[in-house]
N, C-alpha and C. Protein backbone atom coordinates (compact mmCIF):
# COMPACT_ATOMS: atom_id res chain seq x y z
N MET A 1 0.07 242.10 102.65
CA MET A 1 -0.79 241.98 101.95
C MET A 1 -0.65 240.41 100.76
N HIS A 2 -1.70 240.50 100.72
CA HIS A 2 -1.84 239.02 99.78
C HIS A 2 -3.18 239.11 98.56
N GLU A 3 -3.01 239.45 97.69
CA GLU A 3 -4.03 239.26 96.69
C GLU A 3 -3.78 238.30 95.85
N GLU A 4 -5.03 237.55 95.15
CA GLU A 4 -5.23 236.47 94.02
C GLU A 4 -5.76 237.16 92.95
N LYS A 5 -5.26 236.95 91.57
CA LYS A 5 -5.53 237.50 90.55
C LYS A 5 -5.48 236.57 89.62
N CYS A 6 -6.19 236.91 88.29
CA CYS A 6 -6.44 236.06 87.15
C CYS A 6 -6.53 236.74 85.92
N LEU A 7 -5.30 236.77 84.92
CA LEU A 7 -5.74 237.87 83.92
C LEU A 7 -5.76 236.76 82.83
N LYS A 8 -6.78 237.08 81.72
CA LYS A 8 -7.37 236.44 80.65
C LYS A 8 -6.39 237.18 79.66
N MET A 9 -5.86 236.43 78.88
CA MET A 9 -4.96 236.46 77.80
C MET A 9 -5.91 236.67 76.20
N VAL A 10 -5.37 237.28 75.44
CA VAL A 10 -5.96 237.53 73.77
C VAL A 10 -6.88 235.98 73.70
N ASP A 11 -5.92 234.93 73.77
CA ASP A 11 -6.33 234.01 73.19
C ASP A 11 -7.53 232.87 74.12
N GLY A 12 -7.68 233.86 75.38
CA GLY A 12 -8.73 233.22 76.18
C GLY A 12 -7.99 232.32 77.41
N THR A 13 -6.83 232.11 77.36
CA THR A 13 -6.06 231.67 78.35
C THR A 13 -6.02 232.24 79.79
N GLU A 14 -6.38 231.82 80.66
CA GLU A 14 -6.48 232.48 81.98
C GLU A 14 -5.16 232.37 82.46
N ILE A 15 -4.47 233.12 83.24
CA ILE A 15 -3.03 233.16 84.01
C ILE A 15 -3.19 233.64 85.10
N PHE A 16 -3.16 232.66 86.20
CA PHE A 16 -3.65 233.04 87.46
C PHE A 16 -1.91 233.61 88.21
N TYR A 17 -2.23 234.55 89.21
CA TYR A 17 -0.98 234.82 89.90
C TYR A 17 -1.36 235.14 91.23
N GLU A 18 -0.26 235.43 92.02
CA GLU A 18 -0.47 236.21 93.68
C GLU A 18 0.35 237.07 93.55
N ILE A 19 0.02 238.14 94.52
CA ILE A 19 0.73 239.11 95.04
C ILE A 19 1.02 239.09 96.44
N PHE A 20 2.25 239.59 96.91
CA PHE A 20 2.59 239.49 98.26
C PHE A 20 3.48 240.66 98.50
N GLY A 21 3.16 241.44 99.74
CA GLY A 21 4.16 242.14 100.07
C GLY A 21 4.06 243.86 99.26
N SER A 22 5.25 244.45 99.60
CA SER A 22 5.14 245.96 98.89
C SER A 22 6.40 246.16 98.54
N GLY A 23 6.73 247.12 97.74
CA GLY A 23 8.27 247.35 97.15
C GLY A 23 8.19 247.35 95.59
N PHE A 24 9.93 247.37 95.44
CA PHE A 24 10.10 247.05 93.97
C PHE A 24 9.51 245.47 93.49
N PRO A 25 9.03 245.45 92.53
CA PRO A 25 8.88 243.99 92.01
C PRO A 25 9.56 243.06 91.80
N LEU A 26 9.11 241.87 92.07
CA LEU A 26 10.16 240.61 91.98
C LEU A 26 9.05 239.66 91.63
N ILE A 27 9.27 238.87 90.40
CA ILE A 27 8.38 238.07 89.68
C ILE A 27 9.18 236.58 89.99
N LEU A 28 8.29 235.63 90.46
CA LEU A 28 9.08 234.22 90.85
C LEU A 28 8.25 233.45 89.72
N LEU A 29 9.22 232.56 89.10
CA LEU A 29 8.61 231.71 87.97
C LEU A 29 9.24 230.26 88.34
N HIS A 30 8.33 229.15 88.39
CA HIS A 30 8.46 228.02 89.10
C HIS A 30 8.83 227.00 87.43
N GLY A 31 9.23 225.97 87.89
CA GLY A 31 9.91 224.64 86.70
C GLY A 31 8.78 224.23 86.35
N ASN A 32 8.96 223.23 85.26
CA ASN A 32 7.99 222.36 84.63
C ASN A 32 7.47 221.44 85.43
N GLY A 33 6.01 221.42 84.98
CA GLY A 33 5.00 220.75 85.93
C GLY A 33 4.94 221.12 87.51
N GLN A 34 5.45 222.38 87.54
CA GLN A 34 4.95 222.65 89.23
C GLN A 34 4.11 224.17 88.98
N SER A 35 3.98 224.55 90.12
CA SER A 35 3.16 226.11 90.20
C SER A 35 3.82 226.67 91.00
N GLY A 36 3.30 228.35 91.23
CA GLY A 36 3.69 229.12 91.97
C GLY A 36 3.92 228.68 93.56
N ASP A 37 3.32 227.64 94.09
CA ASP A 37 3.19 226.75 95.43
C ASP A 37 4.52 226.49 95.89
N ILE A 38 5.46 226.27 94.90
CA ILE A 38 6.38 225.94 95.09
C ILE A 38 7.46 226.96 96.06
N PHE A 39 7.20 228.11 95.95
CA PHE A 39 8.01 228.97 96.55
C PHE A 39 7.21 229.51 97.93
N HIS A 40 6.55 228.57 98.34
CA HIS A 40 6.13 229.08 99.70
C HIS A 40 7.24 229.12 100.92
N ALA A 41 8.16 228.53 100.75
CA ALA A 41 9.32 228.87 101.87
C ALA A 41 10.06 229.87 101.52
N GLN A 42 9.79 230.63 100.39
CA GLN A 42 10.80 232.05 99.75
C GLN A 42 10.09 233.08 100.07
N VAL A 43 8.44 233.01 99.99
CA VAL A 43 7.69 234.42 99.89
C VAL A 43 7.74 235.10 101.03
N PRO A 44 7.74 234.34 102.19
CA PRO A 44 7.53 235.14 103.47
C PRO A 44 9.05 236.41 103.89
N SER A 45 10.15 235.58 103.32
CA SER A 45 11.55 236.56 103.34
C SER A 45 11.60 237.53 102.24
N PHE A 46 11.08 237.10 100.97
CA PHE A 46 11.15 238.21 100.10
C PHE A 46 10.14 239.21 99.95
N GLN A 47 9.14 238.69 100.61
CA GLN A 47 8.09 240.01 100.64
C GLN A 47 8.26 241.14 101.75
N ARG A 48 9.33 240.76 102.51
CA ARG A 48 9.71 241.88 103.35
C ARG A 48 10.41 243.12 102.78
N PHE A 49 10.92 242.64 101.31
CA PHE A 49 11.58 243.77 100.87
C PHE A 49 11.14 244.03 99.43
N PHE A 50 10.22 242.94 99.03
CA PHE A 50 9.91 243.00 97.47
C PHE A 50 8.46 243.09 97.44
N LYS A 51 7.43 243.69 96.30
CA LYS A 51 6.35 243.39 96.11
C LYS A 51 6.47 241.99 95.24
N CYS A 52 5.97 240.85 95.66
CA CYS A 52 6.25 239.68 95.01
C CYS A 52 5.31 239.08 94.12
N PHE A 53 5.44 238.95 92.93
CA PHE A 53 4.44 238.57 92.11
C PHE A 53 4.69 236.76 91.76
N VAL A 54 3.83 235.78 92.26
CA VAL A 54 4.06 234.67 92.09
C VAL A 54 3.28 234.00 90.89
N ILE A 55 3.53 233.73 90.03
CA ILE A 55 3.12 233.29 88.55
C ILE A 55 2.68 231.93 88.62
N ASP A 56 1.53 231.40 88.02
CA ASP A 56 1.41 230.06 87.44
C ASP A 56 1.44 229.94 86.28
N SER A 57 2.56 229.66 85.50
CA SER A 57 2.97 229.46 83.87
C SER A 57 1.66 228.93 83.43
N ARG A 58 1.61 229.39 82.12
CA ARG A 58 0.51 228.76 81.41
C ARG A 58 0.52 227.41 81.35
N ASN A 59 -0.63 226.76 81.24
CA ASN A 59 -0.82 225.17 81.51
C ASN A 59 -0.38 224.59 82.66
N HIS A 60 0.12 225.28 83.75
CA HIS A 60 0.69 224.98 85.03
C HIS A 60 -0.30 225.53 86.27
N GLY A 61 -0.48 224.73 87.34
CA GLY A 61 -1.19 224.84 88.40
C GLY A 61 -2.71 225.59 87.76
N ARG A 62 -2.81 226.50 88.64
CA ARG A 62 -4.23 226.98 88.17
C ARG A 62 -4.55 227.88 86.95
N SER A 63 -3.50 227.86 86.39
CA SER A 63 -3.57 228.68 84.67
C SER A 63 -3.82 227.58 83.43
N ASN A 64 -4.36 227.93 82.69
CA ASN A 64 -4.63 227.16 81.68
C ASN A 64 -4.21 227.49 80.30
N ASN A 65 -4.37 226.64 79.39
CA ASN A 65 -3.75 227.01 77.97
C ASN A 65 -4.78 226.82 76.94
N ARG A 66 -5.33 228.07 76.26
CA ARG A 66 -6.27 227.87 75.18
C ARG A 66 -5.65 227.51 73.72
N SER A 67 -4.23 227.85 73.51
CA SER A 67 -3.49 227.86 72.60
C SER A 67 -3.20 226.65 72.26
N ARG A 68 -3.21 226.25 70.85
CA ARG A 68 -2.79 224.79 70.16
C ARG A 68 -1.51 224.33 70.40
N TYR A 69 -0.41 225.17 70.94
CA TYR A 69 1.00 224.82 71.40
C TYR A 69 1.49 225.64 72.50
N LEU A 70 2.67 225.16 72.99
CA LEU A 70 3.28 226.22 74.19
C LEU A 70 4.65 226.17 74.02
N ASP A 71 5.27 227.19 73.89
CA ASP A 71 6.60 227.39 74.22
C ASP A 71 6.88 228.58 75.46
N PHE A 72 8.34 228.61 75.32
CA PHE A 72 8.82 229.84 76.41
C PHE A 72 8.88 231.07 75.87
N ALA A 73 8.63 231.40 74.71
CA ALA A 73 8.55 232.91 74.23
C ALA A 73 7.09 233.24 74.55
N MET A 74 6.26 231.95 74.37
CA MET A 74 4.83 232.66 74.82
C MET A 74 4.64 232.71 76.25
N MET A 75 4.92 231.86 77.17
CA MET A 75 5.06 232.15 78.21
C MET A 75 5.89 233.55 78.75
N ALA A 76 6.85 234.02 78.08
CA ALA A 76 7.26 235.22 78.49
C ALA A 76 6.42 236.20 78.23
N ARG A 77 5.78 235.99 77.10
CA ARG A 77 4.37 237.36 76.97
C ARG A 77 3.29 237.34 77.77
N ASP A 78 3.45 235.63 78.20
CA ASP A 78 2.22 236.43 79.36
C ASP A 78 2.82 236.96 80.84
N VAL A 79 4.13 236.96 80.91
CA VAL A 79 4.82 237.53 82.16
C VAL A 79 4.37 239.31 81.65
N ILE A 80 4.79 239.47 80.43
CA ILE A 80 4.67 240.94 80.19
C ILE A 80 3.21 241.25 79.92
N ALA A 81 2.40 240.46 79.70
CA ALA A 81 0.88 241.00 79.76
C ALA A 81 0.51 241.18 81.52
N ILE A 82 1.33 240.46 82.36
CA ILE A 82 0.75 240.68 83.63
C ILE A 82 1.48 241.94 83.94
N MET A 83 2.66 242.25 83.70
CA MET A 83 3.60 243.45 84.21
C MET A 83 2.56 244.53 83.49
N ASP A 84 2.17 244.49 82.21
CA ASP A 84 1.34 245.64 81.73
C ASP A 84 0.02 245.99 82.74
N ALA A 85 -0.35 244.79 82.61
CA ALA A 85 -1.79 244.85 83.70
C ALA A 85 -1.70 245.60 85.07
N GLN A 86 -0.36 245.05 85.61
CA GLN A 86 -0.31 245.70 87.04
C GLN A 86 0.58 246.90 86.99
N LYS A 87 0.63 247.70 86.04
CA LYS A 87 1.61 248.90 85.52
C LYS A 87 3.09 248.67 86.15
N ILE A 88 3.78 247.72 85.75
CA ILE A 88 5.08 247.28 86.12
C ILE A 88 6.04 248.02 85.22
N ASP A 89 7.02 248.77 85.28
CA ASP A 89 7.79 249.06 84.13
C ASP A 89 8.85 248.06 84.25
N ARG A 90 9.57 247.91 85.20
CA ARG A 90 10.70 246.67 85.49
C ARG A 90 10.56 246.12 86.71
N ALA A 91 11.02 244.84 86.51
CA ALA A 91 11.06 244.28 87.69
C ALA A 91 12.37 243.19 87.86
N HIS A 92 12.61 242.78 89.15
CA HIS A 92 13.74 241.62 89.33
C HIS A 92 13.07 240.27 88.71
N ILE A 93 13.59 239.26 88.17
CA ILE A 93 13.25 237.93 87.94
C ILE A 93 13.83 237.29 88.41
N LEU A 94 13.22 236.18 89.09
CA LEU A 94 13.88 234.85 89.74
C LEU A 94 13.27 233.71 89.05
N GLY A 95 13.75 232.89 88.23
CA GLY A 95 13.37 231.52 87.52
C GLY A 95 14.15 230.55 87.80
N PHE A 96 13.13 229.61 87.96
CA PHE A 96 14.02 228.03 88.78
C PHE A 96 13.55 227.18 87.63
N SER A 97 14.56 226.37 86.64
CA SER A 97 14.57 225.52 85.99
C SER A 97 13.89 226.15 84.72
N ASP A 98 12.54 225.57 84.35
CA ASP A 98 11.97 226.09 83.33
C ASP A 98 11.62 227.60 83.30
N GLY A 99 11.45 227.83 84.70
CA GLY A 99 11.03 229.42 84.95
C GLY A 99 12.59 230.10 84.76
N ALA A 100 13.76 229.84 84.50
CA ALA A 100 14.78 230.12 84.31
C ALA A 100 14.96 230.36 82.60
N ASN A 101 14.26 229.30 82.20
CA ASN A 101 14.40 229.21 80.62
C ASN A 101 13.49 230.78 80.06
N ILE A 102 12.18 230.86 80.80
CA ILE A 102 11.13 231.74 80.55
C ILE A 102 11.79 233.33 80.70
N ALA A 103 12.67 233.25 82.06
CA ALA A 103 13.38 234.57 82.26
C ALA A 103 14.65 234.85 81.39
N MET A 104 14.98 234.03 80.89
CA MET A 104 16.55 234.33 79.75
C MET A 104 15.49 234.83 78.53
N PHE A 105 14.29 234.40 77.85
CA PHE A 105 13.39 235.12 77.06
C PHE A 105 13.11 236.52 77.61
N LEU A 106 12.66 236.92 78.70
CA LEU A 106 12.66 238.21 79.17
C LEU A 106 13.31 238.92 79.08
N ALA A 107 14.38 238.81 79.40
CA ALA A 107 16.01 239.41 79.44
C ALA A 107 16.41 239.69 78.07
N THR A 108 16.12 238.75 77.28
CA THR A 108 16.62 238.98 75.91
C THR A 108 15.67 239.68 74.86
N ARG A 109 14.45 239.52 75.27
CA ARG A 109 13.43 240.11 74.45
C ARG A 109 12.87 241.27 74.67
N TYR A 110 12.92 241.61 76.06
CA TYR A 110 12.40 242.77 76.86
C TYR A 110 13.37 243.22 77.58
N PRO A 111 14.43 243.42 77.22
CA PRO A 111 15.62 244.18 78.49
C PRO A 111 15.28 245.01 79.29
N ASN A 112 14.60 246.26 78.77
CA ASN A 112 14.12 247.24 79.73
C ASN A 112 13.23 247.26 80.65
N ARG A 113 12.53 245.70 80.77
CA ARG A 113 11.52 245.33 81.63
C ARG A 113 12.16 244.41 82.92
N VAL A 114 13.60 244.27 82.69
CA VAL A 114 14.06 243.25 83.61
C VAL A 114 15.00 244.14 84.67
N GLY A 115 14.98 244.09 85.59
CA GLY A 115 15.90 244.80 86.60
C GLY A 115 17.05 243.83 86.94
N LYS A 116 17.16 243.18 88.18
CA LYS A 116 18.38 241.84 88.19
C LYS A 116 17.55 240.50 87.99
N LEU A 117 18.58 240.00 87.53
CA LEU A 117 18.03 238.59 87.02
C LEU A 117 18.77 237.26 87.62
N ILE A 118 17.79 236.22 88.11
CA ILE A 118 18.53 235.15 88.80
C ILE A 118 17.99 233.96 87.78
N LEU A 119 18.94 233.05 87.55
CA LEU A 119 18.54 232.01 86.41
C LEU A 119 19.31 230.97 87.40
N ASN A 120 18.14 230.14 88.11
CA ASN A 120 18.56 229.01 88.89
C ASN A 120 18.36 227.84 88.18
N ALA A 121 19.31 227.05 87.68
CA ALA A 121 19.27 225.75 87.07
C ALA A 121 18.26 225.93 85.46
N GLY A 122 18.85 226.86 84.65
CA GLY A 122 17.94 226.94 83.62
C GLY A 122 19.10 226.30 82.45
N ASN A 123 18.26 226.25 81.27
CA ASN A 123 19.21 225.48 80.05
C ASN A 123 18.71 226.01 78.87
N LEU A 124 19.89 226.23 77.95
CA LEU A 124 19.58 226.43 76.82
C LEU A 124 19.37 225.35 75.84
N THR A 125 19.99 224.41 75.84
CA THR A 125 19.81 222.91 75.19
C THR A 125 19.26 221.83 75.99
N VAL A 126 18.89 220.84 75.25
CA VAL A 126 18.61 219.65 76.03
C VAL A 126 20.00 219.01 76.08
N ASP A 127 20.89 219.19 75.67
CA ASP A 127 22.28 218.92 76.07
C ASP A 127 22.79 219.21 77.24
N GLY A 128 22.37 220.25 77.93
CA GLY A 128 22.73 221.11 78.89
C GLY A 128 22.37 220.24 80.29
N MET A 129 21.32 219.32 79.97
CA MET A 129 20.85 218.36 80.89
C MET A 129 21.81 217.18 80.81
N THR A 130 21.74 216.41 82.46
CA THR A 130 22.28 215.30 82.32
C THR A 130 21.74 214.05 81.65
N TRP A 131 22.78 213.17 81.64
CA TRP A 131 22.11 212.03 80.51
C TRP A 131 20.90 211.35 81.10
N LEU A 132 20.79 211.25 82.59
CA LEU A 132 19.90 210.66 83.28
C LEU A 132 18.47 211.41 83.17
N SER A 133 18.76 212.59 83.18
CA SER A 133 17.68 213.51 83.29
C SER A 133 16.87 213.55 82.01
N ARG A 134 17.99 213.63 80.94
CA ARG A 134 17.31 213.44 79.63
C ARG A 134 16.68 212.21 78.97
N VAL A 135 17.11 211.06 79.84
CA VAL A 135 16.32 209.96 79.43
C VAL A 135 14.89 210.04 80.05
N THR A 136 15.09 210.48 81.41
CA THR A 136 13.96 210.42 82.22
C THR A 136 12.59 211.52 81.57
N SER A 137 13.25 212.64 80.84
CA SER A 137 12.42 213.66 80.30
C SER A 137 11.80 212.93 79.04
N ARG A 138 12.34 212.13 78.35
CA ARG A 138 11.90 211.51 77.39
C ARG A 138 11.00 210.58 77.54
N LEU A 139 11.22 209.86 78.81
CA LEU A 139 10.01 208.72 79.39
C LEU A 139 9.03 209.32 79.52
N GLU A 140 9.08 210.65 80.33
CA GLU A 140 7.78 211.36 80.67
C GLU A 140 7.01 211.77 79.42
N VAL A 141 7.51 211.91 78.42
CA VAL A 141 6.96 212.62 76.95
C VAL A 141 6.16 211.51 76.72
N ILE A 142 6.87 210.25 76.51
CA ILE A 142 6.09 208.89 75.95
C ILE A 142 4.83 208.60 76.83
N LEU A 143 5.02 208.98 78.23
CA LEU A 143 3.82 208.39 79.04
C LEU A 143 2.69 209.88 78.64
N ALA A 144 2.87 210.69 78.88
CA ALA A 144 2.15 211.77 78.77
C ALA A 144 1.37 211.75 77.23
N ARG A 145 2.06 211.34 76.25
CA ARG A 145 1.34 211.11 74.90
C ARG A 145 0.50 209.71 75.03
N PHE A 146 0.85 208.77 75.78
CA PHE A 146 0.07 207.59 75.83
C PHE A 146 -1.30 207.93 76.88
N PHE A 147 -1.07 208.67 77.95
CA PHE A 147 -2.15 209.10 78.55
C PHE A 147 -2.63 210.35 78.22
N LYS A 148 -2.30 210.91 77.05
CA LYS A 148 -2.83 212.40 76.91
C LYS A 148 -2.93 213.09 77.93
N ARG A 149 -1.89 213.55 78.35
CA ARG A 149 -2.26 214.52 79.61
C ARG A 149 -0.63 215.01 79.68
N ASN A 150 -0.56 216.25 79.99
CA ASN A 150 0.35 217.36 80.15
C ASN A 150 1.40 217.16 78.97
N LEU A 151 1.15 216.48 77.98
CA LEU A 151 1.92 216.57 76.83
C LEU A 151 2.44 217.86 76.43
N SER A 152 1.96 218.89 75.82
CA SER A 152 2.81 220.25 75.78
C SER A 152 3.58 220.58 76.96
N ILE A 153 3.39 220.55 78.25
CA ILE A 153 4.41 220.75 79.38
C ILE A 153 5.72 219.71 79.09
N LYS A 154 5.52 218.62 79.22
CA LYS A 154 6.46 217.63 78.88
C LYS A 154 7.27 217.81 77.53
N LYS A 155 6.79 218.07 76.50
CA LYS A 155 7.59 218.48 75.29
C LYS A 155 8.71 219.28 75.68
N LEU A 156 8.24 220.45 76.46
CA LEU A 156 9.46 221.72 76.81
C LEU A 156 10.78 220.79 77.22
N LEU A 157 10.69 220.02 77.90
CA LEU A 157 11.92 219.06 78.55
C LEU A 157 12.82 218.56 77.26
N VAL A 158 12.06 218.28 76.34
CA VAL A 158 12.94 217.37 75.12
C VAL A 158 13.65 218.31 73.97
N HIS A 159 13.18 219.53 73.99
CA HIS A 159 13.68 220.28 73.07
C HIS A 159 14.22 221.65 73.29
N ASP A 160 15.42 221.96 72.86
CA ASP A 160 16.24 223.49 73.04
C ASP A 160 15.05 224.36 73.05
N ILE A 161 15.31 225.40 73.86
CA ILE A 161 14.33 226.30 74.14
C ILE A 161 14.10 227.40 73.14
N GLY A 162 15.01 227.68 71.91
CA GLY A 162 14.77 228.43 71.20
C GLY A 162 15.42 229.86 71.39
N LEU A 163 16.44 229.68 72.17
CA LEU A 163 17.38 231.11 72.26
C LEU A 163 18.56 230.69 71.54
N GLU A 164 19.46 231.71 71.04
CA GLU A 164 20.63 231.26 70.48
C GLU A 164 21.46 232.02 71.81
N LYS A 165 22.76 231.13 71.25
CA LYS A 165 23.90 231.73 72.44
C LYS A 165 24.12 233.13 72.29
N ALA A 166 24.37 233.41 71.20
CA ALA A 166 24.93 234.79 70.98
C ALA A 166 23.32 235.94 71.65
N GLU A 167 22.65 235.57 71.53
CA GLU A 167 21.53 236.73 72.29
C GLU A 167 21.71 236.80 73.77
N LEU A 168 22.08 235.84 74.42
CA LEU A 168 22.71 235.87 75.92
C LEU A 168 23.74 237.09 76.06
N THR A 169 24.54 237.22 74.93
CA THR A 169 25.41 238.26 75.26
C THR A 169 25.17 239.43 74.91
N GLU A 170 23.75 239.92 74.88
CA GLU A 170 22.93 241.27 74.74
C GLU A 170 22.20 241.37 75.85
N ILE A 171 22.34 240.67 77.09
CA ILE A 171 21.43 240.87 78.14
C ILE A 171 22.29 241.66 78.84
N LEU A 172 21.51 243.03 79.56
CA LEU A 172 21.87 244.03 80.26
C LEU A 172 21.69 244.13 81.51
N SER A 173 20.96 243.08 82.12
CA SER A 173 20.58 242.98 83.60
C SER A 173 21.80 242.30 84.41
N PRO A 174 21.81 242.82 85.39
CA PRO A 174 22.91 242.06 86.39
C PRO A 174 22.70 240.74 86.73
N THR A 175 23.38 239.68 86.48
CA THR A 175 22.70 238.25 86.49
C THR A 175 23.48 237.64 87.41
N LEU A 176 22.68 236.69 87.99
CA LEU A 176 23.51 235.77 88.96
C LEU A 176 22.84 234.29 88.26
N VAL A 177 23.72 233.35 87.91
CA VAL A 177 23.47 232.22 87.40
C VAL A 177 23.55 231.17 88.68
N LEU A 178 22.67 230.23 89.02
CA LEU A 178 22.80 229.48 90.12
C LEU A 178 22.71 227.86 89.87
N VAL A 179 23.51 227.13 90.40
CA VAL A 179 23.13 225.57 90.06
C VAL A 179 23.81 224.82 91.24
N GLY A 180 23.13 223.74 91.36
CA GLY A 180 23.64 223.01 92.33
C GLY A 180 24.50 221.86 92.11
N GLN A 181 25.18 221.59 93.25
CA GLN A 181 26.60 221.08 92.76
C GLN A 181 26.07 219.28 92.07
N PHE A 182 24.78 219.03 92.59
CA PHE A 182 24.44 217.70 92.03
C PHE A 182 23.33 218.05 91.29
N ASP A 183 23.28 218.86 90.31
CA ASP A 183 22.05 219.57 89.77
C ASP A 183 21.69 218.46 88.46
N LEU A 184 20.42 218.43 88.21
CA LEU A 184 20.05 217.96 86.80
C LEU A 184 20.64 218.59 85.69
N ILE A 185 21.00 219.98 85.73
CA ILE A 185 21.60 220.42 84.63
C ILE A 185 23.03 220.63 84.87
N LYS A 186 23.83 220.54 83.82
CA LYS A 186 25.41 219.98 83.97
C LYS A 186 25.95 221.55 84.47
N ARG A 187 26.90 221.53 85.05
CA ARG A 187 27.50 222.37 85.64
C ARG A 187 28.42 223.33 84.85
N GLN A 188 28.85 222.45 83.71
CA GLN A 188 29.59 223.08 82.75
C GLN A 188 28.78 224.27 81.76
N HIS A 189 27.61 223.58 81.59
CA HIS A 189 26.42 224.20 80.66
C HIS A 189 26.10 225.66 81.70
N SER A 190 25.89 225.48 82.98
CA SER A 190 25.53 226.61 83.62
C SER A 190 26.60 227.69 83.41
N GLN A 191 27.86 227.33 83.60
CA GLN A 191 29.11 227.84 83.58
C GLN A 191 29.18 228.74 82.17
N GLU A 192 28.81 228.15 81.37
CA GLU A 192 28.73 228.58 79.70
C GLU A 192 27.83 229.95 79.72
N ILE A 193 26.44 229.65 80.28
CA ILE A 193 25.34 230.38 80.35
C ILE A 193 26.02 231.63 81.06
N ALA A 194 26.45 231.44 81.84
CA ALA A 194 27.11 232.78 82.80
C ALA A 194 28.23 233.60 82.10
N THR A 195 29.22 232.86 81.34
CA THR A 195 30.07 233.44 80.73
C THR A 195 29.73 234.23 79.22
N LEU A 196 28.70 233.83 79.02
CA LEU A 196 27.70 234.27 77.58
C LEU A 196 27.15 235.95 78.20
N ILE A 197 26.76 235.70 79.37
CA ILE A 197 26.05 237.11 79.91
C ILE A 197 27.20 237.93 80.30
N PRO A 198 26.89 239.45 79.93
CA PRO A 198 27.79 240.14 80.54
C PRO A 198 27.93 240.64 82.04
N HIS A 199 29.31 240.43 82.47
CA HIS A 199 29.20 240.53 83.94
C HIS A 199 28.38 239.46 84.92
N ALA A 200 28.20 238.39 84.39
CA ALA A 200 27.09 237.70 85.08
C ALA A 200 28.09 236.92 86.46
N ARG A 201 27.28 236.69 87.44
CA ARG A 201 28.07 235.94 88.65
C ARG A 201 27.54 234.58 88.55
N PHE A 202 28.53 233.48 88.71
CA PHE A 202 28.07 232.13 89.06
C PHE A 202 28.44 231.53 90.14
N LEU A 203 27.24 230.76 90.44
CA LEU A 203 27.40 230.09 91.71
C LEU A 203 27.17 228.51 91.62
N VAL A 204 27.89 227.96 92.09
CA VAL A 204 27.57 226.36 92.06
C VAL A 204 27.80 226.36 93.96
N GLU A 205 26.33 226.00 94.13
CA GLU A 205 25.94 225.79 95.35
C GLU A 205 26.27 224.29 95.75
N LYS A 206 27.21 224.09 96.97
CA LYS A 206 27.82 222.74 97.56
C LYS A 206 26.81 221.97 98.07
N GLY A 207 26.61 220.63 97.72
CA GLY A 207 25.59 219.68 98.79
C GLY A 207 24.16 219.92 98.26
N VAL A 208 23.78 220.23 97.12
CA VAL A 208 22.47 220.29 96.65
C VAL A 208 22.51 220.05 95.22
N GLY A 209 21.36 219.35 95.00
CA GLY A 209 20.79 219.26 93.68
C GLY A 209 19.99 219.95 93.12
N HIS A 210 19.00 219.68 92.41
CA HIS A 210 18.15 220.32 91.46
C HIS A 210 17.14 221.32 92.41
N LEU A 211 16.83 220.84 93.69
CA LEU A 211 15.96 221.30 94.57
C LEU A 211 16.37 222.42 95.61
N PHE A 212 17.45 223.15 95.20
CA PHE A 212 18.31 223.73 96.29
C PHE A 212 17.20 224.46 97.23
N TYR A 213 16.21 225.43 96.46
CA TYR A 213 15.22 226.06 96.97
C TYR A 213 14.41 225.11 98.36
N LYS A 214 14.42 223.92 98.10
CA LYS A 214 13.17 223.46 98.62
C LYS A 214 14.20 222.59 99.93
N ARG A 215 15.47 221.88 99.50
CA ARG A 215 16.25 221.11 100.47
C ARG A 215 16.66 222.38 101.67
N GLN A 216 17.15 223.41 101.05
CA GLN A 216 17.91 224.41 101.87
C GLN A 216 17.51 225.58 101.80
N PRO A 217 16.08 225.97 102.23
CA PRO A 217 15.45 227.31 102.00
C PRO A 217 16.04 228.37 102.62
N VAL A 218 16.70 228.32 103.66
CA VAL A 218 17.25 228.99 104.57
C VAL A 218 18.46 229.71 103.75
N ARG A 219 19.35 228.92 103.58
CA ARG A 219 20.34 229.01 102.75
C ARG A 219 20.02 230.02 101.51
N TYR A 220 19.03 229.04 100.66
CA TYR A 220 18.39 229.76 99.29
C TYR A 220 18.04 231.05 99.51
N ASN A 221 17.04 231.50 100.61
CA ASN A 221 16.88 232.88 100.78
C ASN A 221 17.75 233.96 100.63
N GLN A 222 18.64 233.41 101.45
CA GLN A 222 19.80 234.20 101.75
C GLN A 222 20.93 234.24 100.70
N VAL A 223 21.00 233.49 99.65
CA VAL A 223 21.68 233.78 98.40
C VAL A 223 20.65 234.58 97.60
N ILE A 224 19.77 234.39 97.51
CA ILE A 224 18.69 235.41 96.49
C ILE A 224 18.67 236.82 97.09
N LEU A 225 18.54 237.24 98.35
CA LEU A 225 18.27 238.07 99.04
C LEU A 225 19.59 238.77 98.79
N GLY A 226 20.82 238.26 99.14
CA GLY A 226 22.42 238.88 98.98
C GLY A 226 22.14 239.51 97.56
N PHE A 227 22.01 238.84 96.61
CA PHE A 227 22.23 239.15 95.12
C PHE A 227 21.52 240.41 94.93
N LEU A 228 19.75 240.31 95.31
CA LEU A 228 19.41 241.26 94.87
C LEU A 228 19.42 242.62 95.57
N LEU A 229 19.63 242.62 97.23
CA LEU A 229 20.01 243.63 97.47
C LEU A 229 21.26 244.28 97.89
N GLY A 230 22.01 243.78 97.27
CA GLY A 230 23.60 243.94 97.14
C GLY A 230 23.72 245.09 95.80
N GLU A 231 24.99 245.75 96.05
CA GLU A 231 25.08 246.92 94.92
C GLU A 231 25.19 246.07 93.56
């Protein structure tokens, strides 16, 4: 099964998403400046076991943004709106990079709506990123401001996400925190996130960087499905 959907929000924003497969819901959230299309190598495997909801986050891909600002809390509310529209009580959440940041908001603000939680290369603070990636992000903001394009998206890269560390200690969901050996996110930062979340598992995947899902999709899918289908 494959469906394309568009949900109109109260502020007029249109959020685009696709549905694949059947079964327990699994929501896939992409990173900064991307779209749900990044998961093209994951969906064929995942839809064998789950009903996959692949969302273009607000102001990304085919989704727009009619609001005057953009933050992760707002993007999390968009996900909840889609869940409500689809009559989904609970769903597993897989978030990559900024998608993992949205996922952390979902797990802390809407704990009863989240089943299992996978945080792949998310960060609570800008300091959680490597020095080079922080410099690159600031350059992207300067260029976006100059060209007046994608500024609201790029600003997300240079500010803390808006969650306190103490909030992570209240996450109820079984959680996998995943980071690549050569990731843009510091390994110790990912380790701290995993330590804060009760009973979270922490995995450093050897030999890969930030784009584990793209560079080694077969292995990535095995890791994700192993966690989701395990006890």
